[in-house]
N, C-alpha and C. Protein backbone atom coordinates (compact mmCIF):
# COMPACT_ATOMS: atom_id res chain seq x y z
N UNK A 1 67.04 -42.98 -41.61
CA UNK A 1 68.17 -42.13 -41.41
C UNK A 1 69.13 -42.29 -42.63
N UNK A 2 69.12 -43.44 -43.21
CA UNK A 2 70.11 -43.75 -44.30
C UNK A 2 69.75 -42.74 -45.46
N UNK A 3 68.49 -42.57 -45.74
CA UNK A 3 68.14 -41.63 -46.85
C UNK A 3 68.53 -40.21 -46.57
N UNK A 4 68.42 -39.82 -45.32
CA UNK A 4 68.87 -38.39 -44.95
C UNK A 4 70.28 -38.26 -45.09
N UNK A 5 71.14 -39.35 -44.66
CA UNK A 5 72.56 -39.27 -44.85
C UNK A 5 72.96 -39.20 -46.28
N UNK A 6 72.35 -40.08 -47.15
CA UNK A 6 72.77 -40.11 -48.52
C UNK A 6 72.34 -38.74 -49.17
N UNK A 7 71.23 -38.22 -48.81
CA UNK A 7 70.88 -36.94 -49.43
C UNK A 7 71.83 -35.84 -49.06
N UNK A 8 72.29 -35.79 -47.74
CA UNK A 8 73.29 -34.91 -47.32
C UNK A 8 74.54 -35.03 -48.05
N UNK A 9 74.96 -36.25 -48.21
CA UNK A 9 76.29 -36.48 -48.92
C UNK A 9 76.19 -36.06 -50.40
N UNK A 10 74.97 -36.31 -51.04
CA UNK A 10 74.78 -35.77 -52.40
C UNK A 10 74.86 -34.32 -52.51
N UNK A 11 74.32 -33.62 -51.52
CA UNK A 11 74.38 -32.14 -51.45
C UNK A 11 75.78 -31.66 -51.46
N UNK A 12 76.62 -32.34 -50.66
CA UNK A 12 78.03 -31.97 -50.49
C UNK A 12 78.78 -32.32 -51.86
N UNK A 13 78.56 -33.45 -52.36
CA UNK A 13 79.27 -33.95 -53.53
C UNK A 13 78.89 -33.03 -54.71
N UNK A 14 77.64 -32.59 -54.87
CA UNK A 14 77.34 -31.80 -56.00
C UNK A 14 77.43 -30.34 -55.71
N UNK A 15 78.03 -29.98 -54.56
CA UNK A 15 78.33 -28.57 -54.22
C UNK A 15 77.00 -27.73 -54.35
N UNK A 16 75.91 -28.23 -53.78
CA UNK A 16 74.66 -27.51 -53.92
C UNK A 16 74.47 -26.41 -52.89
N UNK A 17 75.22 -26.52 -51.78
CA UNK A 17 74.96 -25.59 -50.65
C UNK A 17 73.71 -25.81 -49.94
N UNK A 18 73.39 -24.95 -49.05
CA UNK A 18 72.11 -25.08 -48.32
C UNK A 18 72.20 -26.07 -47.25
N UNK A 19 71.10 -26.33 -46.65
CA UNK A 19 70.99 -27.28 -45.48
C UNK A 19 71.08 -28.63 -45.89
N UNK A 20 71.66 -29.49 -44.98
CA UNK A 20 71.87 -30.90 -45.26
C UNK A 20 70.71 -31.73 -44.77
N UNK A 21 69.92 -31.30 -43.91
CA UNK A 21 68.85 -32.18 -43.38
C UNK A 21 69.27 -33.11 -42.29
N UNK A 22 70.59 -33.15 -42.02
CA UNK A 22 71.04 -33.98 -40.89
C UNK A 22 72.42 -33.39 -40.48
N UNK A 23 72.71 -33.57 -39.21
CA UNK A 23 74.04 -33.02 -38.70
C UNK A 23 74.93 -34.22 -38.34
N UNK A 24 76.19 -33.94 -38.24
CA UNK A 24 77.20 -34.89 -37.79
C UNK A 24 76.84 -35.44 -36.36
N UNK A 25 76.34 -34.59 -35.59
CA UNK A 25 76.05 -34.97 -34.17
C UNK A 25 74.82 -35.92 -34.20
N UNK A 26 73.86 -35.74 -35.05
CA UNK A 26 72.78 -36.61 -35.13
C UNK A 26 73.17 -38.02 -35.55
N UNK A 27 74.15 -38.11 -36.53
CA UNK A 27 74.66 -39.39 -37.02
C UNK A 27 75.44 -40.06 -35.90
N UNK A 28 76.28 -39.30 -35.14
CA UNK A 28 77.08 -39.90 -34.17
C UNK A 28 76.32 -40.34 -32.93
N UNK A 29 75.19 -39.72 -32.67
CA UNK A 29 74.39 -40.17 -31.51
C UNK A 29 73.24 -41.18 -31.84
N UNK A 30 73.19 -41.55 -33.13
CA UNK A 30 72.17 -42.50 -33.63
C UNK A 30 72.31 -43.86 -32.97
N UNK A 31 71.23 -44.40 -32.61
CA UNK A 31 71.24 -45.83 -32.08
C UNK A 31 70.13 -46.59 -32.82
N UNK A 32 70.43 -47.86 -32.98
CA UNK A 32 69.49 -48.66 -33.78
C UNK A 32 69.17 -49.94 -32.93
N UNK A 33 67.89 -50.33 -32.89
CA UNK A 33 67.63 -51.61 -32.17
C UNK A 33 68.14 -52.84 -32.95
N UNK A 34 68.53 -53.84 -32.22
CA UNK A 34 68.95 -55.07 -32.88
C UNK A 34 67.75 -55.74 -33.40
N UNK A 35 67.86 -56.27 -34.63
CA UNK A 35 66.75 -57.05 -35.21
C UNK A 35 67.27 -58.21 -36.02
N UNK A 36 66.53 -59.26 -35.85
CA UNK A 36 66.90 -60.52 -36.58
C UNK A 36 66.71 -60.28 -38.07
N UNK A 37 67.78 -60.58 -38.84
CA UNK A 37 67.83 -60.27 -40.25
C UNK A 37 68.04 -58.83 -40.63
N UNK A 38 68.48 -58.07 -39.63
CA UNK A 38 68.82 -56.65 -39.78
C UNK A 38 70.25 -56.48 -40.48
N UNK A 39 70.60 -55.22 -40.58
CA UNK A 39 71.93 -54.97 -41.17
C UNK A 39 73.02 -55.32 -40.20
N UNK A 40 74.17 -55.71 -40.74
CA UNK A 40 75.35 -56.11 -39.93
C UNK A 40 75.93 -54.80 -39.39
N UNK A 41 76.17 -54.73 -38.07
CA UNK A 41 76.74 -53.41 -37.49
C UNK A 41 78.19 -53.21 -37.99
N UNK A 42 78.88 -54.26 -38.44
CA UNK A 42 80.24 -54.09 -39.00
C UNK A 42 80.20 -53.43 -40.40
N UNK A 43 79.05 -53.40 -40.96
CA UNK A 43 78.80 -52.63 -42.24
C UNK A 43 78.35 -51.22 -41.94
N UNK A 44 77.35 -51.13 -40.99
CA UNK A 44 76.69 -49.87 -40.73
C UNK A 44 77.58 -48.93 -40.00
N UNK A 45 78.31 -49.39 -38.97
CA UNK A 45 79.06 -48.49 -38.15
C UNK A 45 80.21 -47.72 -38.97
N UNK A 46 80.99 -48.41 -39.83
CA UNK A 46 82.00 -47.58 -40.58
C UNK A 46 81.29 -46.61 -41.55
N UNK A 47 80.10 -46.99 -42.08
CA UNK A 47 79.41 -46.05 -42.96
C UNK A 47 79.03 -44.80 -42.10
N UNK A 48 78.50 -45.02 -40.94
CA UNK A 48 78.09 -43.88 -40.14
C UNK A 48 79.24 -43.04 -39.74
N UNK A 49 80.37 -43.69 -39.35
CA UNK A 49 81.59 -42.96 -38.95
C UNK A 49 82.11 -42.09 -40.10
N UNK A 50 82.19 -42.62 -41.30
CA UNK A 50 82.69 -41.91 -42.46
C UNK A 50 81.69 -40.76 -42.86
N UNK A 51 80.42 -41.09 -42.78
CA UNK A 51 79.38 -39.98 -43.08
C UNK A 51 79.51 -38.86 -42.15
N UNK A 52 79.64 -39.16 -40.85
CA UNK A 52 79.71 -38.13 -39.86
C UNK A 52 81.03 -37.26 -40.06
N UNK A 53 82.15 -37.90 -40.45
CA UNK A 53 83.36 -37.15 -40.62
C UNK A 53 83.21 -36.24 -41.91
N UNK A 54 82.61 -36.71 -42.94
CA UNK A 54 82.45 -35.93 -44.13
C UNK A 54 81.47 -34.75 -43.87
N UNK A 55 80.38 -35.01 -43.22
CA UNK A 55 79.41 -33.96 -42.87
C UNK A 55 80.00 -32.93 -41.86
N UNK A 56 80.77 -33.47 -40.86
CA UNK A 56 81.43 -32.53 -39.98
C UNK A 56 82.36 -31.58 -40.63
N UNK A 57 83.20 -32.14 -41.63
CA UNK A 57 84.12 -31.27 -42.39
C UNK A 57 83.33 -30.22 -43.20
N UNK A 58 82.22 -30.64 -43.78
CA UNK A 58 81.34 -29.73 -44.52
C UNK A 58 80.87 -28.60 -43.61
N UNK A 59 80.35 -29.00 -42.38
CA UNK A 59 79.79 -28.08 -41.39
C UNK A 59 80.93 -27.13 -41.01
N UNK A 60 82.11 -27.61 -40.75
CA UNK A 60 83.21 -26.74 -40.41
C UNK A 60 83.55 -25.78 -41.46
N UNK A 61 83.42 -26.09 -42.71
CA UNK A 61 83.81 -25.23 -43.82
C UNK A 61 82.74 -24.15 -44.14
N UNK A 62 81.52 -24.34 -43.57
CA UNK A 62 80.47 -23.46 -43.83
C UNK A 62 80.35 -22.48 -42.66
N UNK A 63 80.48 -21.20 -42.81
CA UNK A 63 80.42 -20.26 -41.67
C UNK A 63 78.92 -20.16 -41.25
N UNK A 64 78.75 -20.01 -39.93
CA UNK A 64 77.41 -19.75 -39.45
C UNK A 64 77.05 -18.30 -39.72
N UNK A 65 75.82 -17.95 -39.45
CA UNK A 65 75.36 -16.60 -39.65
C UNK A 65 76.10 -15.63 -38.62
N UNK A 66 76.23 -16.22 -37.41
CA UNK A 66 76.96 -15.47 -36.34
C UNK A 66 78.44 -15.21 -36.78
N UNK A 67 78.98 -16.18 -37.37
CA UNK A 67 80.42 -16.09 -37.80
C UNK A 67 80.56 -15.04 -38.94
N UNK A 68 79.59 -15.07 -39.76
CA UNK A 68 79.58 -14.06 -40.92
C UNK A 68 79.43 -12.64 -40.46
N UNK A 69 78.58 -12.49 -39.38
CA UNK A 69 78.28 -11.08 -38.87
C UNK A 69 79.28 -10.58 -37.89
N UNK A 70 80.04 -11.49 -37.27
CA UNK A 70 80.98 -11.12 -36.21
C UNK A 70 82.32 -10.79 -36.86
N UNK A 71 83.03 -9.77 -36.26
CA UNK A 71 84.44 -9.60 -36.75
C UNK A 71 85.29 -10.73 -36.43
N UNK A 72 86.13 -11.17 -37.32
CA UNK A 72 87.02 -12.28 -37.12
C UNK A 72 88.01 -11.98 -35.97
N UNK A 73 88.07 -12.94 -34.97
CA UNK A 73 89.05 -12.73 -33.96
C UNK A 73 89.80 -14.11 -33.82
N UNK A 74 91.04 -14.06 -34.28
CA UNK A 74 91.80 -15.30 -34.12
C UNK A 74 93.18 -14.93 -34.09
N UNK A 75 94.02 -15.77 -33.53
CA UNK A 75 95.50 -15.58 -33.51
C UNK A 75 96.04 -16.25 -34.78
N UNK A 76 96.53 -15.53 -35.72
CA UNK A 76 97.06 -16.12 -36.88
C UNK A 76 98.18 -17.22 -36.58
N UNK A 77 98.22 -18.23 -37.39
CA UNK A 77 99.17 -19.23 -37.22
C UNK A 77 100.43 -18.81 -38.14
N UNK A 78 101.67 -18.83 -37.44
CA UNK A 78 102.83 -18.44 -38.11
C UNK A 78 103.45 -19.77 -38.68
N UNK A 79 104.37 -19.56 -39.59
CA UNK A 79 105.14 -20.78 -40.17
C UNK A 79 105.89 -21.49 -39.09
N UNK A 80 106.50 -20.74 -38.16
CA UNK A 80 107.24 -21.31 -37.11
C UNK A 80 106.30 -22.22 -36.23
N UNK A 81 105.15 -21.68 -35.86
CA UNK A 81 104.14 -22.42 -35.05
C UNK A 81 103.65 -23.63 -35.85
N UNK A 82 103.46 -23.44 -37.20
CA UNK A 82 103.01 -24.63 -37.97
C UNK A 82 104.02 -25.79 -37.95
N UNK A 83 105.36 -25.33 -38.09
CA UNK A 83 106.39 -26.32 -38.08
C UNK A 83 106.47 -27.11 -36.76
N UNK A 84 106.06 -26.48 -35.69
CA UNK A 84 106.18 -27.12 -34.42
C UNK A 84 104.87 -27.61 -33.86
N UNK A 85 103.87 -27.70 -34.73
CA UNK A 85 102.46 -28.07 -34.21
C UNK A 85 102.49 -29.49 -33.57
N UNK A 86 101.96 -29.54 -32.41
CA UNK A 86 101.95 -30.83 -31.64
C UNK A 86 100.49 -31.06 -31.23
N UNK A 87 100.10 -32.28 -31.14
CA UNK A 87 98.77 -32.65 -30.67
C UNK A 87 98.84 -33.74 -29.73
N UNK A 88 97.84 -33.95 -28.88
CA UNK A 88 97.87 -34.95 -27.91
C UNK A 88 97.52 -36.27 -28.61
N UNK A 89 98.19 -37.35 -28.26
CA UNK A 89 97.84 -38.69 -28.87
C UNK A 89 96.84 -39.32 -27.96
N UNK A 90 95.81 -39.83 -28.58
CA UNK A 90 94.73 -40.48 -27.91
C UNK A 90 94.53 -41.93 -28.42
N UNK A 91 93.76 -42.72 -27.74
CA UNK A 91 93.54 -44.04 -28.12
C UNK A 91 92.98 -44.22 -29.51
N UNK A 92 92.03 -43.34 -29.87
CA UNK A 92 91.45 -43.39 -31.26
C UNK A 92 91.37 -41.92 -31.65
N UNK A 93 92.11 -41.66 -32.78
CA UNK A 93 92.09 -40.27 -33.22
C UNK A 93 92.61 -40.23 -34.73
N UNK A 94 92.87 -39.05 -35.19
CA UNK A 94 93.34 -38.82 -36.50
C UNK A 94 94.69 -39.52 -36.79
N UNK A 95 94.82 -40.11 -37.89
CA UNK A 95 96.06 -40.82 -38.35
C UNK A 95 97.30 -39.82 -38.22
N UNK A 96 98.20 -40.16 -37.43
CA UNK A 96 99.37 -39.26 -37.05
C UNK A 96 100.12 -38.94 -38.26
N UNK A 97 100.62 -39.80 -39.07
CA UNK A 97 101.52 -39.41 -40.26
C UNK A 97 100.72 -38.56 -41.21
N UNK A 98 99.39 -38.84 -41.43
CA UNK A 98 98.61 -37.97 -42.39
C UNK A 98 98.50 -36.55 -41.85
N UNK A 99 98.32 -36.40 -40.61
CA UNK A 99 98.23 -35.05 -39.94
C UNK A 99 99.62 -34.39 -40.00
N UNK A 100 100.63 -35.08 -39.73
CA UNK A 100 101.98 -34.53 -39.72
C UNK A 100 102.35 -34.00 -41.16
N UNK A 101 101.99 -34.84 -42.17
CA UNK A 101 102.32 -34.49 -43.55
C UNK A 101 101.58 -33.19 -43.94
N UNK A 102 100.28 -33.15 -43.60
CA UNK A 102 99.47 -32.05 -43.89
C UNK A 102 99.89 -30.80 -43.24
N UNK A 103 100.28 -30.90 -41.97
CA UNK A 103 100.84 -29.69 -41.16
C UNK A 103 102.17 -29.15 -41.76
N UNK A 104 102.98 -30.13 -42.29
CA UNK A 104 104.18 -29.68 -42.99
C UNK A 104 103.85 -28.81 -44.22
N UNK A 105 102.89 -29.30 -45.00
CA UNK A 105 102.42 -28.62 -46.21
C UNK A 105 101.89 -27.17 -45.80
N UNK A 106 101.14 -27.17 -44.71
CA UNK A 106 100.65 -25.88 -44.12
C UNK A 106 101.77 -24.96 -43.82
N UNK A 107 102.73 -25.45 -43.19
CA UNK A 107 103.83 -24.60 -42.68
C UNK A 107 104.58 -24.02 -43.89
N UNK A 108 104.84 -24.86 -44.91
CA UNK A 108 105.53 -24.35 -46.09
C UNK A 108 104.61 -23.24 -46.84
N UNK A 109 103.33 -23.51 -46.83
CA UNK A 109 102.50 -22.54 -47.47
C UNK A 109 102.57 -21.21 -46.74
N UNK A 110 102.33 -21.21 -45.45
CA UNK A 110 102.39 -19.99 -44.63
C UNK A 110 103.76 -19.30 -44.77
N UNK A 111 104.82 -20.08 -44.71
CA UNK A 111 106.14 -19.49 -44.83
C UNK A 111 106.31 -18.76 -46.16
N UNK A 112 105.75 -19.38 -47.25
CA UNK A 112 105.83 -18.69 -48.56
C UNK A 112 105.21 -17.31 -48.67
N UNK A 113 104.05 -17.22 -47.84
CA UNK A 113 103.31 -15.98 -47.77
C UNK A 113 104.17 -14.98 -46.84
N UNK A 114 104.75 -15.50 -45.77
CA UNK A 114 105.51 -14.61 -44.89
C UNK A 114 106.73 -14.01 -45.56
N UNK A 115 107.40 -14.70 -46.40
CA UNK A 115 108.57 -14.23 -47.09
C UNK A 115 108.26 -13.45 -48.41
N UNK A 116 106.92 -13.33 -48.65
CA UNK A 116 106.48 -12.54 -49.78
C UNK A 116 106.62 -13.24 -51.20
N UNK A 117 106.73 -14.57 -51.12
CA UNK A 117 106.78 -15.34 -52.37
C UNK A 117 105.78 -16.38 -52.36
N UNK A 118 104.42 -16.08 -52.31
CA UNK A 118 103.41 -17.16 -52.18
C UNK A 118 103.51 -18.25 -53.18
N UNK A 119 103.65 -19.42 -52.64
CA UNK A 119 103.65 -20.72 -53.39
C UNK A 119 102.79 -21.66 -52.61
N UNK A 120 101.47 -21.47 -52.54
CA UNK A 120 100.62 -22.23 -51.71
C UNK A 120 100.57 -23.73 -52.10
N UNK A 121 100.92 -24.62 -51.14
CA UNK A 121 100.75 -26.06 -51.41
C UNK A 121 99.29 -26.46 -50.98
N UNK A 122 98.61 -25.62 -50.30
CA UNK A 122 97.24 -25.86 -49.88
C UNK A 122 96.60 -24.49 -49.66
N UNK A 123 95.33 -24.49 -49.72
CA UNK A 123 94.58 -23.24 -49.54
C UNK A 123 93.56 -23.32 -48.36
N UNK A 124 92.90 -22.24 -48.05
CA UNK A 124 91.96 -22.21 -46.89
C UNK A 124 90.78 -23.22 -47.05
N UNK A 125 90.34 -23.31 -48.26
CA UNK A 125 89.22 -24.22 -48.56
C UNK A 125 89.61 -25.70 -48.32
N UNK A 126 90.85 -26.03 -48.85
CA UNK A 126 91.34 -27.46 -48.66
C UNK A 126 91.50 -27.63 -47.19
N UNK A 127 91.95 -26.72 -46.39
CA UNK A 127 92.17 -26.96 -44.96
C UNK A 127 90.83 -27.07 -44.31
N UNK A 128 89.86 -26.38 -44.66
CA UNK A 128 88.55 -26.44 -44.02
C UNK A 128 87.86 -27.76 -44.35
N UNK A 129 88.08 -28.34 -45.49
CA UNK A 129 87.44 -29.59 -45.93
C UNK A 129 88.28 -30.79 -45.71
N UNK A 130 89.46 -30.65 -45.12
CA UNK A 130 90.41 -31.82 -44.95
C UNK A 130 89.79 -32.87 -44.04
N UNK A 131 89.89 -34.07 -44.46
CA UNK A 131 89.45 -35.28 -43.70
C UNK A 131 90.72 -36.13 -43.46
N UNK A 132 90.71 -36.68 -42.24
CA UNK A 132 91.73 -37.66 -41.98
C UNK A 132 91.12 -38.92 -41.58
N UNK A 133 91.78 -40.06 -41.86
CA UNK A 133 91.32 -41.39 -41.35
C UNK A 133 91.56 -41.39 -39.86
N UNK A 134 90.74 -42.24 -39.20
CA UNK A 134 90.84 -42.45 -37.80
C UNK A 134 91.70 -43.68 -37.60
N UNK A 135 92.53 -43.65 -36.55
CA UNK A 135 93.39 -44.84 -36.33
C UNK A 135 93.62 -45.01 -34.77
N UNK A 136 94.06 -46.14 -34.45
CA UNK A 136 94.36 -46.35 -33.07
C UNK A 136 95.59 -45.56 -32.72
N UNK A 137 95.73 -44.97 -31.60
CA UNK A 137 96.84 -44.11 -31.09
C UNK A 137 96.97 -42.99 -32.14
N UNK A 138 95.99 -42.21 -32.34
CA UNK A 138 96.01 -41.10 -33.26
C UNK A 138 95.99 -39.75 -32.48
N UNK A 139 95.95 -38.68 -33.28
CA UNK A 139 95.91 -37.32 -32.61
C UNK A 139 94.50 -36.99 -32.27
N UNK A 140 94.36 -36.21 -31.21
CA UNK A 140 93.02 -35.69 -30.76
C UNK A 140 92.33 -35.01 -31.89
N UNK A 141 91.14 -35.52 -32.23
CA UNK A 141 90.34 -34.82 -33.30
C UNK A 141 90.07 -33.37 -32.95
N UNK A 142 89.66 -33.14 -31.73
CA UNK A 142 89.27 -31.79 -31.33
C UNK A 142 90.43 -30.83 -31.46
N UNK A 143 91.62 -31.19 -30.98
CA UNK A 143 92.84 -30.35 -31.09
C UNK A 143 93.17 -30.05 -32.58
N UNK A 144 93.23 -31.17 -33.38
CA UNK A 144 93.52 -30.96 -34.71
C UNK A 144 92.48 -30.02 -35.49
N UNK A 145 91.21 -30.31 -35.20
CA UNK A 145 90.13 -29.51 -35.84
C UNK A 145 90.21 -28.05 -35.48
N UNK A 146 90.44 -27.73 -34.22
CA UNK A 146 90.57 -26.35 -33.75
C UNK A 146 91.81 -25.68 -34.37
N UNK A 147 92.90 -26.42 -34.48
CA UNK A 147 94.10 -25.92 -35.10
C UNK A 147 93.80 -25.56 -36.62
N UNK A 148 93.16 -26.52 -37.25
CA UNK A 148 92.83 -26.35 -38.65
C UNK A 148 91.87 -25.19 -38.89
N UNK A 149 91.02 -24.87 -37.99
CA UNK A 149 90.13 -23.72 -38.03
C UNK A 149 91.00 -22.40 -38.09
N UNK A 150 91.99 -22.36 -37.14
CA UNK A 150 92.89 -21.17 -37.11
C UNK A 150 93.73 -21.09 -38.41
N UNK A 151 94.25 -22.22 -38.91
CA UNK A 151 94.93 -22.26 -40.08
C UNK A 151 94.18 -21.73 -41.31
N UNK A 152 92.87 -22.21 -41.40
CA UNK A 152 92.02 -21.82 -42.49
C UNK A 152 91.81 -20.31 -42.46
N UNK A 153 91.58 -19.75 -41.28
CA UNK A 153 91.42 -18.31 -41.07
C UNK A 153 92.64 -17.54 -41.51
N UNK A 154 93.78 -18.10 -41.11
CA UNK A 154 95.09 -17.48 -41.44
C UNK A 154 95.27 -17.42 -42.96
N UNK A 155 95.05 -18.56 -43.54
CA UNK A 155 95.24 -18.65 -45.08
C UNK A 155 94.27 -17.80 -45.77
N UNK A 156 92.95 -17.63 -45.22
CA UNK A 156 92.01 -16.80 -45.89
C UNK A 156 92.50 -15.34 -45.88
N UNK A 157 93.16 -14.94 -44.79
CA UNK A 157 93.68 -13.63 -44.61
C UNK A 157 94.80 -13.38 -45.66
N UNK A 158 95.75 -14.37 -45.77
CA UNK A 158 96.78 -14.19 -46.74
C UNK A 158 96.23 -14.14 -48.16
N UNK A 159 95.29 -14.99 -48.42
CA UNK A 159 94.66 -15.11 -49.77
C UNK A 159 93.97 -13.77 -50.17
N UNK A 160 93.26 -13.26 -49.15
CA UNK A 160 92.55 -11.98 -49.46
C UNK A 160 93.56 -10.82 -49.70
N UNK A 161 94.71 -10.86 -49.01
CA UNK A 161 95.73 -9.83 -49.21
C UNK A 161 96.30 -9.94 -50.66
N UNK A 162 96.45 -11.22 -51.03
CA UNK A 162 97.05 -11.39 -52.31
C UNK A 162 96.03 -11.06 -53.46
N UNK A 163 94.73 -11.21 -53.24
CA UNK A 163 93.71 -10.87 -54.27
C UNK A 163 93.36 -9.37 -54.12
N UNK A 164 93.87 -8.66 -53.14
CA UNK A 164 93.55 -7.26 -52.97
C UNK A 164 92.22 -6.97 -52.31
N UNK A 165 91.57 -8.04 -51.73
CA UNK A 165 90.31 -7.84 -51.01
C UNK A 165 90.65 -7.17 -49.72
N UNK A 166 89.57 -6.72 -49.08
CA UNK A 166 89.69 -6.13 -47.71
C UNK A 166 90.12 -7.25 -46.80
N UNK A 167 90.95 -7.01 -45.83
CA UNK A 167 91.44 -8.02 -44.86
C UNK A 167 90.71 -7.79 -43.56
N UNK A 168 90.15 -8.82 -42.99
CA UNK A 168 89.43 -8.76 -41.76
C UNK A 168 90.43 -8.65 -40.56
N UNK A 169 90.06 -7.74 -39.64
CA UNK A 169 90.90 -7.48 -38.50
C UNK A 169 91.05 -8.79 -37.63
N UNK A 170 92.29 -8.89 -37.09
CA UNK A 170 92.51 -10.07 -36.21
C UNK A 170 92.29 -9.66 -34.71
N UNK A 171 92.06 -8.44 -34.44
CA UNK A 171 91.94 -8.08 -33.07
C UNK A 171 90.79 -7.43 -32.74
């Protein structure tokens, strides 16, 4: 499994595209038998957690065939909504201050587009690839990830309007 994870991380690092050969779900569900003289789980577990987060972010940023073929249907995120973004705090989740700082950057970026003076502090690609550290008493990963998916779609729409590309319908 280690070789498959390293190969997948190299594909991402080298921006090669294509299949990774392993999914974040496979990494998260992996179990290993205890063996005398084996690897220390305190070394292995953090490596697996970090690898799964990196690969999940990559998976999130790559649209599926169905997503590419289907018309985009999302409720755009407004600057006001971004300024008031709230997430459930859970025992183990995304680091609260890091998420809050990033959502503030998102809000300012969206606001700049809304007032017609784009000064993006972040872009759709950065949002799709954003990784947060996990901490005790952090934000729900699922809620933050779903929110970031909407933000990324919103920013893609603004970016395409700025570049003069066709804009995908929201409805």
